[in-house]
């Protein structure tokens, strides 16, 4: 895609600006990225990863990341747990789906447990640890959606949770 041929305009039949090729009319749609991850609980403790990469290097997060083409959300969540925490997961159910409009993300977060014993820091994590609820390093949580997911897990309500009402579009920053 030659960026020089593309301009931003509202194509016929559309309701918003898109990148449109000035030569052939091809529309290059820009869509949200899908993030998949898990709240992994083991004997009442939660698995968290201390980020070794930006953004928010050094802060704690869930094992999560971008879904790859050709993966199901379940496969992606399992892969991310392996990459970040060298952990094999057993997925239970979808815990939450969050819309983070300010950065163009949709996050699908699962309830999960370890499918086999053991975990260790992967290349994107400085360290990985299990925390009781009281031990979670709340002042060092990387992203608002991690906090939302942890609280959703704690509430243990039936169904799938979504953004909290005070941030229904995921517009609040850190």
N, C-alpha and C. Protein backbone atom coordinates (compact mmCIF):
# COMPACT_ATOMS: atom_id res chain seq x y z
N UNK A 1 0.85 -1.17 0.00
CA UNK A 1 0.00 0.00 0.00
C UNK A 1 0.90 1.23 0.00
N UNK A 2 0.86 1.98 -1.07
CA UNK A 2 1.64 3.21 -1.19
C UNK A 2 0.87 4.34 -0.52
N UNK A 3 1.39 4.79 0.64
CA UNK A 3 0.69 5.82 1.42
C UNK A 3 0.48 7.11 0.64
N UNK A 4 1.35 7.38 -0.32
CA UNK A 4 1.23 8.63 -1.09
C UNK A 4 -0.03 8.66 -1.94
N UNK A 5 -0.55 7.50 -2.33
CA UNK A 5 -1.75 7.45 -3.16
C UNK A 5 -3.03 7.55 -2.33
N UNK A 6 -2.93 7.43 -1.03
CA UNK A 6 -4.11 7.41 -0.18
C UNK A 6 -4.35 8.78 0.44
N UNK A 7 -5.64 9.15 0.46
CA UNK A 7 -6.05 10.38 1.14
C UNK A 7 -7.20 10.04 2.07
N UNK A 8 -7.38 10.87 3.06
CA UNK A 8 -8.47 10.68 4.01
C UNK A 8 -9.66 11.48 3.53
N UNK A 9 -10.78 10.76 3.28
CA UNK A 9 -12.01 11.42 2.86
C UNK A 9 -13.18 10.50 3.17
N UNK A 10 -14.40 11.04 3.06
CA UNK A 10 -15.61 10.25 3.28
C UNK A 10 -16.02 9.66 1.93
N UNK A 11 -15.85 8.35 1.75
CA UNK A 11 -16.25 7.74 0.48
C UNK A 11 -17.77 7.72 0.32
N UNK A 12 -18.22 7.64 -0.91
CA UNK A 12 -19.65 7.57 -1.20
C UNK A 12 -20.24 6.36 -0.48
N UNK A 13 -21.36 6.56 0.18
CA UNK A 13 -22.04 5.49 0.90
C UNK A 13 -21.51 5.24 2.30
N UNK A 14 -20.50 5.98 2.72
CA UNK A 14 -19.92 5.84 4.06
C UNK A 14 -20.34 7.03 4.91
N UNK A 15 -20.10 6.93 6.22
CA UNK A 15 -20.49 8.02 7.11
C UNK A 15 -19.31 8.60 7.89
N UNK A 16 -18.09 8.19 7.53
CA UNK A 16 -16.90 8.71 8.22
C UNK A 16 -15.70 8.69 7.29
N UNK A 17 -14.69 9.46 7.66
CA UNK A 17 -13.48 9.50 6.85
C UNK A 17 -12.78 8.15 6.85
N UNK A 18 -12.25 7.80 5.70
CA UNK A 18 -11.48 6.57 5.51
C UNK A 18 -10.26 6.90 4.68
N UNK A 19 -9.28 6.02 4.68
CA UNK A 19 -8.15 6.14 3.76
C UNK A 19 -8.58 5.56 2.42
N UNK A 20 -8.54 6.38 1.36
CA UNK A 20 -9.02 5.96 0.05
C UNK A 20 -7.91 6.17 -0.97
N UNK A 21 -7.70 5.15 -1.80
CA UNK A 21 -6.72 5.26 -2.87
C UNK A 21 -7.27 6.20 -3.94
N UNK A 22 -6.49 7.23 -4.29
CA UNK A 22 -6.91 8.20 -5.30
C UNK A 22 -6.92 7.63 -6.70
N UNK A 23 -6.24 6.51 -6.94
CA UNK A 23 -6.17 5.92 -8.28
C UNK A 23 -7.28 4.91 -8.54
N UNK A 24 -7.51 4.00 -7.58
CA UNK A 24 -8.47 2.91 -7.83
C UNK A 24 -9.70 2.95 -6.93
N UNK A 25 -9.71 3.81 -5.88
CA UNK A 25 -10.87 3.90 -4.99
C UNK A 25 -10.87 2.88 -3.86
N UNK A 26 -9.83 2.03 -3.75
CA UNK A 26 -9.74 1.06 -2.68
C UNK A 26 -9.82 1.77 -1.33
N UNK A 27 -10.62 1.22 -0.41
CA UNK A 27 -10.77 1.78 0.93
C UNK A 27 -9.94 0.93 1.88
N UNK A 28 -8.99 1.54 2.57
CA UNK A 28 -8.17 0.85 3.57
C UNK A 28 -8.82 1.08 4.93
N UNK A 29 -9.66 0.13 5.34
CA UNK A 29 -10.37 0.27 6.61
C UNK A 29 -9.39 0.15 7.77
N UNK A 30 -9.56 1.01 8.76
CA UNK A 30 -8.78 0.95 9.99
C UNK A 30 -9.73 0.51 11.10
N UNK A 31 -9.47 -0.66 11.65
CA UNK A 31 -10.38 -1.24 12.63
C UNK A 31 -9.67 -1.49 13.95
N UNK A 32 -10.44 -1.65 15.02
CA UNK A 32 -9.83 -1.91 16.32
C UNK A 32 -9.03 -3.21 16.32
N UNK A 33 -8.04 -3.25 17.20
CA UNK A 33 -7.26 -4.46 17.44
C UNK A 33 -7.95 -5.25 18.55
N UNK A 34 -7.86 -6.57 18.46
CA UNK A 34 -8.43 -7.45 19.47
C UNK A 34 -7.31 -7.90 20.41
N UNK A 35 -7.52 -7.70 21.70
CA UNK A 35 -6.60 -8.15 22.73
C UNK A 35 -7.28 -9.32 23.45
N UNK A 36 -6.52 -10.37 23.71
CA UNK A 36 -7.05 -11.53 24.44
C UNK A 36 -6.18 -11.78 25.66
N UNK A 37 -6.81 -12.19 26.73
CA UNK A 37 -6.05 -12.46 27.95
C UNK A 37 -6.89 -13.22 28.95
N UNK A 38 -6.30 -13.43 30.13
CA UNK A 38 -6.97 -14.24 31.13
C UNK A 38 -6.67 -13.77 32.54
N UNK A 39 -7.68 -13.90 33.39
CA UNK A 39 -7.47 -13.83 34.83
C UNK A 39 -7.28 -15.29 35.24
N UNK A 40 -6.03 -15.63 35.53
CA UNK A 40 -5.67 -17.00 35.88
C UNK A 40 -5.66 -17.12 37.40
N UNK A 41 -6.52 -17.98 37.91
CA UNK A 41 -6.56 -18.17 39.36
C UNK A 41 -6.13 -19.60 39.69
N UNK A 42 -5.37 -19.70 40.75
CA UNK A 42 -4.88 -20.99 41.21
C UNK A 42 -4.93 -20.99 42.73
N UNK A 43 -5.80 -21.83 43.29
CA UNK A 43 -5.97 -21.93 44.73
C UNK A 43 -6.21 -20.56 45.37
N UNK A 44 -7.09 -19.77 44.73
CA UNK A 44 -7.47 -18.47 45.26
C UNK A 44 -6.48 -17.35 45.00
N UNK A 45 -5.41 -17.64 44.32
CA UNK A 45 -4.41 -16.61 43.99
C UNK A 45 -4.46 -16.31 42.49
N UNK A 46 -4.05 -15.09 42.14
CA UNK A 46 -4.12 -14.61 40.76
C UNK A 46 -2.71 -14.50 40.17
N UNK A 47 -2.56 -14.96 38.94
CA UNK A 47 -1.28 -14.88 38.23
C UNK A 47 -1.15 -13.52 37.55
N UNK A 48 -0.11 -12.79 37.90
CA UNK A 48 0.18 -11.50 37.28
C UNK A 48 1.60 -11.50 36.72
N UNK A 49 1.81 -10.69 35.69
CA UNK A 49 3.10 -10.57 35.02
C UNK A 49 3.58 -9.13 35.13
N UNK A 50 4.85 -8.96 35.52
CA UNK A 50 5.44 -7.61 35.54
C UNK A 50 6.03 -7.37 34.16
N UNK A 51 5.53 -6.32 33.49
CA UNK A 51 5.89 -6.05 32.10
C UNK A 51 7.38 -5.73 31.93
N UNK A 52 8.00 -6.37 30.92
CA UNK A 52 9.39 -6.10 30.58
C UNK A 52 9.48 -5.21 29.34
N UNK A 53 8.33 -4.80 28.81
CA UNK A 53 8.27 -3.99 27.60
C UNK A 53 7.36 -2.79 27.81
N UNK A 54 7.53 -1.79 26.97
CA UNK A 54 6.62 -0.64 26.96
C UNK A 54 5.38 -1.02 26.16
N UNK A 55 4.24 -0.45 26.40
CA UNK A 55 4.02 0.59 27.42
C UNK A 55 3.91 -0.01 28.83
N UNK A 56 4.17 0.85 29.79
CA UNK A 56 4.01 0.53 31.21
C UNK A 56 4.99 -0.54 31.70
N UNK A 57 6.20 -0.50 31.19
CA UNK A 57 7.26 -1.41 31.62
C UNK A 57 7.40 -1.32 33.14
N UNK A 58 7.52 -2.48 33.79
CA UNK A 58 7.67 -2.54 35.24
C UNK A 58 6.36 -2.61 36.01
N UNK A 59 5.25 -2.43 35.33
CA UNK A 59 3.93 -2.52 35.97
C UNK A 59 3.36 -3.92 35.78
N UNK A 60 2.41 -4.27 36.64
CA UNK A 60 1.82 -5.61 36.64
C UNK A 60 0.57 -5.65 35.75
N UNK A 61 0.41 -6.79 35.07
CA UNK A 61 -0.71 -6.98 34.17
C UNK A 61 -1.13 -8.44 34.15
N UNK A 62 -2.21 -8.71 33.46
CA UNK A 62 -2.64 -10.08 33.20
C UNK A 62 -1.84 -10.61 32.02
N UNK A 63 -1.71 -11.93 31.88
CA UNK A 63 -1.14 -12.45 30.65
C UNK A 63 -2.13 -12.17 29.51
N UNK A 64 -1.73 -11.28 28.61
CA UNK A 64 -2.65 -10.85 27.55
C UNK A 64 -1.85 -10.19 26.43
N UNK A 65 -2.46 -10.13 25.26
CA UNK A 65 -1.82 -9.46 24.13
C UNK A 65 -2.70 -9.53 22.90
N UNK A 66 -2.15 -9.10 21.79
CA UNK A 66 -2.92 -9.02 20.55
C UNK A 66 -3.20 -10.39 19.95
N UNK A 67 -4.41 -10.57 19.50
CA UNK A 67 -4.82 -11.76 18.77
C UNK A 67 -4.12 -11.75 17.42
N UNK A 68 -3.64 -12.91 16.99
CA UNK A 68 -2.99 -13.05 15.69
C UNK A 68 -4.00 -13.53 14.65
N UNK A 69 -3.74 -13.19 13.39
CA UNK A 69 -4.59 -13.71 12.31
C UNK A 69 -4.55 -15.23 12.33
N UNK A 70 -5.69 -15.84 12.11
CA UNK A 70 -5.78 -17.29 12.07
C UNK A 70 -5.99 -17.94 13.42
N UNK A 71 -6.05 -17.17 14.49
CA UNK A 71 -6.28 -17.72 15.82
C UNK A 71 -7.72 -17.49 16.27
N UNK A 72 -8.21 -18.40 17.08
CA UNK A 72 -9.45 -18.12 17.80
C UNK A 72 -9.08 -17.30 19.03
N UNK A 73 -10.05 -16.68 19.68
CA UNK A 73 -9.74 -15.93 20.90
C UNK A 73 -9.20 -16.85 21.98
N UNK A 74 -9.69 -18.08 22.03
CA UNK A 74 -9.20 -19.05 23.01
C UNK A 74 -7.73 -19.41 22.74
N UNK A 75 -7.41 -19.68 21.48
CA UNK A 75 -6.02 -20.00 21.12
C UNK A 75 -5.10 -18.83 21.45
N UNK A 76 -5.54 -17.63 21.15
CA UNK A 76 -4.74 -16.45 21.43
C UNK A 76 -4.49 -16.26 22.91
N UNK A 77 -5.51 -16.46 23.73
CA UNK A 77 -5.35 -16.31 25.18
C UNK A 77 -4.37 -17.35 25.72
N UNK A 78 -4.47 -18.56 25.22
CA UNK A 78 -3.51 -19.60 25.65
C UNK A 78 -2.09 -19.27 25.20
N UNK A 79 -1.93 -18.80 23.96
CA UNK A 79 -0.61 -18.45 23.44
C UNK A 79 0.01 -17.31 24.26
N UNK A 80 -0.79 -16.28 24.53
CA UNK A 80 -0.27 -15.15 25.30
C UNK A 80 0.18 -15.59 26.70
N UNK A 81 -0.55 -16.47 27.34
CA UNK A 81 -0.15 -16.97 28.66
C UNK A 81 1.17 -17.74 28.56
N UNK A 82 1.35 -18.47 27.48
CA UNK A 82 2.60 -19.20 27.29
C UNK A 82 3.75 -18.23 27.04
N UNK A 83 3.53 -17.23 26.17
CA UNK A 83 4.58 -16.28 25.83
C UNK A 83 5.00 -15.42 27.03
N UNK A 84 4.03 -15.00 27.83
CA UNK A 84 4.32 -14.06 28.91
C UNK A 84 4.61 -14.73 30.25
N UNK A 85 4.03 -15.92 30.46
CA UNK A 85 4.17 -16.55 31.77
C UNK A 85 4.58 -18.02 31.70
N UNK A 86 4.94 -18.51 30.51
CA UNK A 86 5.31 -19.93 30.34
C UNK A 86 4.30 -20.82 31.05
N UNK A 87 3.02 -20.46 30.94
CA UNK A 87 1.94 -21.17 31.63
C UNK A 87 0.99 -21.79 30.62
N UNK A 88 0.62 -23.02 30.87
CA UNK A 88 -0.41 -23.70 30.08
C UNK A 88 -1.73 -23.51 30.81
N UNK A 89 -2.74 -23.01 30.06
CA UNK A 89 -4.01 -22.67 30.69
C UNK A 89 -5.13 -23.63 30.34
N UNK A 90 -6.06 -23.71 31.28
CA UNK A 90 -7.37 -24.29 31.06
C UNK A 90 -8.34 -23.12 31.14
N UNK A 91 -8.99 -22.81 30.02
CA UNK A 91 -9.93 -21.69 30.00
C UNK A 91 -11.29 -22.15 30.47
N UNK A 92 -11.91 -21.35 31.31
CA UNK A 92 -13.23 -21.67 31.84
C UNK A 92 -14.31 -21.03 30.98
N UNK A 93 -14.36 -19.71 30.97
CA UNK A 93 -15.39 -18.98 30.23
C UNK A 93 -14.92 -17.56 30.00
N UNK A 94 -15.64 -16.84 29.16
CA UNK A 94 -15.34 -15.43 28.97
C UNK A 94 -15.79 -14.69 30.23
N UNK A 95 -14.89 -13.94 30.80
CA UNK A 95 -15.17 -13.15 31.99
C UNK A 95 -15.69 -11.77 31.61
N UNK A 96 -15.03 -11.15 30.62
CA UNK A 96 -15.36 -9.76 30.28
C UNK A 96 -14.97 -9.44 28.84
N UNK A 97 -15.70 -8.48 28.28
CA UNK A 97 -15.35 -7.89 26.99
C UNK A 97 -15.34 -6.38 27.20
N UNK A 98 -14.18 -5.77 26.96
CA UNK A 98 -14.02 -4.33 27.19
C UNK A 98 -13.77 -3.60 25.88
N UNK A 99 -14.38 -2.44 25.75
CA UNK A 99 -14.16 -1.55 24.60
C UNK A 99 -13.27 -0.41 25.06
N UNK A 100 -12.11 -0.28 24.43
CA UNK A 100 -11.17 0.79 24.77
C UNK A 100 -11.07 1.69 23.54
N UNK A 101 -12.06 2.54 23.37
CA UNK A 101 -12.19 3.36 22.16
C UNK A 101 -11.01 4.30 21.96
N UNK A 102 -10.44 4.83 23.03
CA UNK A 102 -9.37 5.83 22.87
C UNK A 102 -8.13 5.26 22.20
N UNK A 103 -7.92 3.93 22.25
CA UNK A 103 -6.77 3.32 21.59
C UNK A 103 -7.19 2.25 20.58
N UNK A 104 -8.47 2.18 20.27
CA UNK A 104 -8.95 1.25 19.25
C UNK A 104 -8.75 -0.22 19.59
N UNK A 105 -9.13 -0.61 20.79
CA UNK A 105 -9.01 -2.01 21.20
C UNK A 105 -10.35 -2.57 21.65
N UNK A 106 -10.52 -3.86 21.43
CA UNK A 106 -11.56 -4.66 22.04
C UNK A 106 -10.82 -5.75 22.80
N UNK A 107 -11.09 -5.89 24.08
CA UNK A 107 -10.40 -6.86 24.91
C UNK A 107 -11.35 -7.96 25.34
N UNK A 108 -10.95 -9.20 25.09
CA UNK A 108 -11.71 -10.38 25.50
C UNK A 108 -10.89 -11.07 26.58
N UNK A 109 -11.44 -11.10 27.80
CA UNK A 109 -10.72 -11.63 28.95
C UNK A 109 -11.45 -12.88 29.46
N UNK A 110 -10.68 -13.95 29.65
CA UNK A 110 -11.23 -15.23 30.10
C UNK A 110 -10.97 -15.45 31.58
N UNK A 111 -11.81 -16.31 32.18
CA UNK A 111 -11.52 -16.92 33.48
C UNK A 111 -10.69 -18.15 33.14
N UNK A 112 -9.61 -18.39 33.89
CA UNK A 112 -8.76 -19.52 33.57
C UNK A 112 -8.06 -20.04 34.83
N UNK A 113 -7.48 -21.23 34.68
CA UNK A 113 -6.64 -21.81 35.72
C UNK A 113 -5.45 -22.46 35.01
N UNK A 114 -4.47 -22.86 35.80
CA UNK A 114 -3.31 -23.54 35.22
C UNK A 114 -3.71 -24.96 34.81
N UNK A 115 -3.41 -25.33 33.58
CA UNK A 115 -3.73 -26.67 33.09
C UNK A 115 -2.69 -27.68 33.58
N UNK A 116 -1.52 -27.18 33.90
CA UNK A 116 -0.46 -28.01 34.47
C UNK A 116 0.36 -27.12 35.39
N UNK A 117 1.05 -27.71 36.36
CA UNK A 117 1.81 -26.90 37.32
C UNK A 117 2.95 -26.12 36.64
N UNK A 118 3.24 -24.98 37.22
CA UNK A 118 4.41 -24.23 36.80
C UNK A 118 4.14 -23.03 35.94
N UNK A 119 5.00 -22.04 36.11
CA UNK A 119 5.00 -20.83 35.29
C UNK A 119 6.35 -20.16 35.51
N UNK A 120 6.72 -19.29 34.59
CA UNK A 120 7.98 -18.54 34.68
C UNK A 120 7.88 -17.34 33.76
N UNK A 121 8.72 -16.36 33.98
CA UNK A 121 8.69 -15.16 33.15
C UNK A 121 9.11 -15.50 31.72
N UNK A 122 8.27 -15.08 30.77
CA UNK A 122 8.61 -15.18 29.36
C UNK A 122 9.37 -13.93 28.94
N UNK A 123 9.69 -13.80 27.66
CA UNK A 123 10.50 -12.68 27.19
C UNK A 123 9.87 -11.30 27.37
N UNK A 124 8.55 -11.22 27.52
CA UNK A 124 7.89 -9.92 27.69
C UNK A 124 7.60 -9.60 29.15
N UNK A 125 8.07 -10.47 30.06
CA UNK A 125 7.81 -10.29 31.49
C UNK A 125 9.11 -10.26 32.28
N UNK A 126 9.20 -9.32 33.24
CA UNK A 126 10.34 -9.27 34.15
C UNK A 126 10.23 -10.37 35.20
N UNK A 127 8.99 -10.58 35.64
CA UNK A 127 8.71 -11.63 36.62
C UNK A 127 7.23 -11.97 36.56
N UNK A 128 6.91 -13.13 37.10
CA UNK A 128 5.53 -13.62 37.14
C UNK A 128 5.30 -14.17 38.54
N UNK A 129 4.13 -13.87 39.11
CA UNK A 129 3.87 -14.33 40.48
C UNK A 129 2.37 -14.53 40.70
N UNK A 130 2.07 -15.36 41.70
CA UNK A 130 0.70 -15.54 42.16
C UNK A 130 0.48 -14.65 43.38
N UNK A 131 -0.68 -13.95 43.39
CA UNK A 131 -1.00 -13.04 44.47
C UNK A 131 -2.36 -13.38 45.06
N UNK A 132 -2.48 -13.31 46.39
CA UNK A 132 -3.81 -13.32 46.99
C UNK A 132 -4.42 -11.96 46.68
N UNK A 133 -5.71 -11.84 46.89
CA UNK A 133 -6.39 -10.57 46.62
C UNK A 133 -5.73 -9.42 47.39
N UNK A 134 -5.42 -9.66 48.64
CA UNK A 134 -4.83 -8.63 49.49
C UNK A 134 -3.41 -8.27 49.06
N UNK A 135 -2.70 -9.17 48.40
CA UNK A 135 -1.31 -8.94 47.99
C UNK A 135 -1.17 -8.27 46.63
N UNK A 136 -2.25 -8.17 45.86
CA UNK A 136 -2.16 -7.59 44.51
C UNK A 136 -1.55 -6.19 44.61
N UNK A 137 -0.53 -5.89 43.80
CA UNK A 137 0.11 -4.57 43.85
C UNK A 137 -0.72 -3.51 43.12
N UNK A 138 -1.80 -3.09 43.75
CA UNK A 138 -2.78 -2.20 43.12
C UNK A 138 -2.16 -0.89 42.62
N UNK A 139 -1.17 -0.38 43.30
CA UNK A 139 -0.53 0.88 42.88
C UNK A 139 0.36 0.70 41.65
N UNK A 140 0.60 -0.54 41.27
CA UNK A 140 1.47 -0.83 40.14
C UNK A 140 0.77 -1.63 39.04
N UNK A 141 -0.55 -1.51 38.96
CA UNK A 141 -1.30 -2.19 37.90
C UNK A 141 -1.15 -1.37 36.62
N UNK A 142 -0.87 -2.05 35.52
CA UNK A 142 -0.49 -1.39 34.27
C UNK A 142 -1.62 -0.62 33.59
N UNK A 143 -2.82 -1.18 33.54
CA UNK A 143 -3.89 -0.59 32.73
C UNK A 143 -5.22 -0.63 33.47
N UNK A 144 -6.11 0.34 33.21
CA UNK A 144 -7.43 0.32 33.85
C UNK A 144 -8.19 -0.98 33.62
N UNK A 145 -8.10 -1.54 32.42
CA UNK A 145 -8.86 -2.76 32.12
C UNK A 145 -8.37 -3.95 32.94
N UNK A 146 -7.11 -3.96 33.36
CA UNK A 146 -6.61 -5.03 34.24
C UNK A 146 -7.33 -4.93 35.59
N UNK A 147 -7.44 -3.72 36.09
CA UNK A 147 -8.15 -3.48 37.35
C UNK A 147 -9.62 -3.92 37.22
N UNK A 148 -10.26 -3.55 36.08
CA UNK A 148 -11.66 -3.94 35.86
C UNK A 148 -11.80 -5.46 35.86
N UNK A 149 -10.90 -6.15 35.16
CA UNK A 149 -10.98 -7.61 35.05
C UNK A 149 -10.76 -8.28 36.40
N UNK A 150 -9.83 -7.77 37.18
CA UNK A 150 -9.60 -8.35 38.50
C UNK A 150 -10.85 -8.21 39.37
N UNK A 151 -11.47 -7.04 39.32
CA UNK A 151 -12.69 -6.84 40.11
C UNK A 151 -13.84 -7.68 39.57
N UNK A 152 -13.93 -7.86 38.26
CA UNK A 152 -14.96 -8.73 37.68
C UNK A 152 -14.77 -10.16 38.16
N UNK A 153 -13.53 -10.62 38.17
CA UNK A 153 -13.23 -11.97 38.66
C UNK A 153 -13.66 -12.09 40.12
N UNK A 154 -13.37 -11.10 40.91
CA UNK A 154 -13.69 -11.12 42.34
C UNK A 154 -15.21 -11.15 42.57
N UNK A 155 -15.95 -10.38 41.75
CA UNK A 155 -17.42 -10.35 41.89
C UNK A 155 -18.03 -11.70 41.54
N UNK A 156 -17.41 -12.40 40.59
CA UNK A 156 -17.84 -13.74 40.19
C UNK A 156 -19.32 -13.81 39.82
N UNK A 157 -19.77 -12.81 39.07
CA UNK A 157 -21.16 -12.78 38.64
C UNK A 157 -21.34 -13.67 37.41
N UNK A 158 -22.55 -14.18 37.21
CA UNK A 158 -22.79 -14.94 35.97
C UNK A 158 -22.78 -13.99 34.77
N UNK A 159 -22.45 -14.51 33.63
CA UNK A 159 -22.46 -13.70 32.41
C UNK A 159 -21.13 -13.03 32.16
N UNK A 160 -21.13 -12.18 31.16
CA UNK A 160 -19.92 -11.48 30.72
C UNK A 160 -20.02 -10.02 31.13
N UNK A 161 -19.00 -9.52 31.80
CA UNK A 161 -18.99 -8.12 32.21
C UNK A 161 -18.47 -7.25 31.07
N UNK A 162 -18.80 -5.96 31.13
CA UNK A 162 -18.33 -4.99 30.15
C UNK A 162 -17.76 -3.79 30.90
N UNK A 163 -17.41 -2.75 30.16
CA UNK A 163 -16.83 -1.56 30.78
C UNK A 163 -17.68 -1.08 31.95
N UNK A 164 -17.03 -0.53 32.97
CA UNK A 164 -17.81 0.08 34.05
C UNK A 164 -18.58 1.29 33.53
N UNK A 165 -19.70 1.58 34.13
CA UNK A 165 -20.56 2.67 33.64
C UNK A 165 -19.86 4.02 33.63
N UNK A 166 -18.91 4.23 34.55
CA UNK A 166 -18.22 5.52 34.57
C UNK A 166 -17.18 5.66 33.45
N UNK A 167 -16.91 4.59 32.71
CA UNK A 167 -15.98 4.66 31.58
C UNK A 167 -16.48 3.71 30.48
N UNK A 168 -17.69 3.90 30.06
CA UNK A 168 -18.36 2.98 29.14
C UNK A 168 -17.68 2.85 27.78
N UNK A 169 -16.87 3.84 27.41
CA UNK A 169 -16.17 3.78 26.12
C UNK A 169 -14.67 3.55 26.27
N UNK A 170 -14.20 3.37 27.49
CA UNK A 170 -12.78 3.14 27.71
C UNK A 170 -11.94 4.34 27.35
N UNK A 171 -12.40 5.53 27.71
CA UNK A 171 -11.71 6.76 27.32
C UNK A 171 -10.77 7.30 28.39
N UNK A 172 -10.89 6.81 29.63
CA UNK A 172 -10.03 7.31 30.70
C UNK A 172 -8.62 6.79 30.51
N UNK A 173 -7.66 7.63 30.74
CA UNK A 173 -6.26 7.21 30.66
C UNK A 173 -5.81 6.58 31.95
N UNK A 174 -4.52 6.50 32.08
CA UNK A 174 -3.96 5.85 33.27
C UNK A 174 -3.98 6.75 34.48
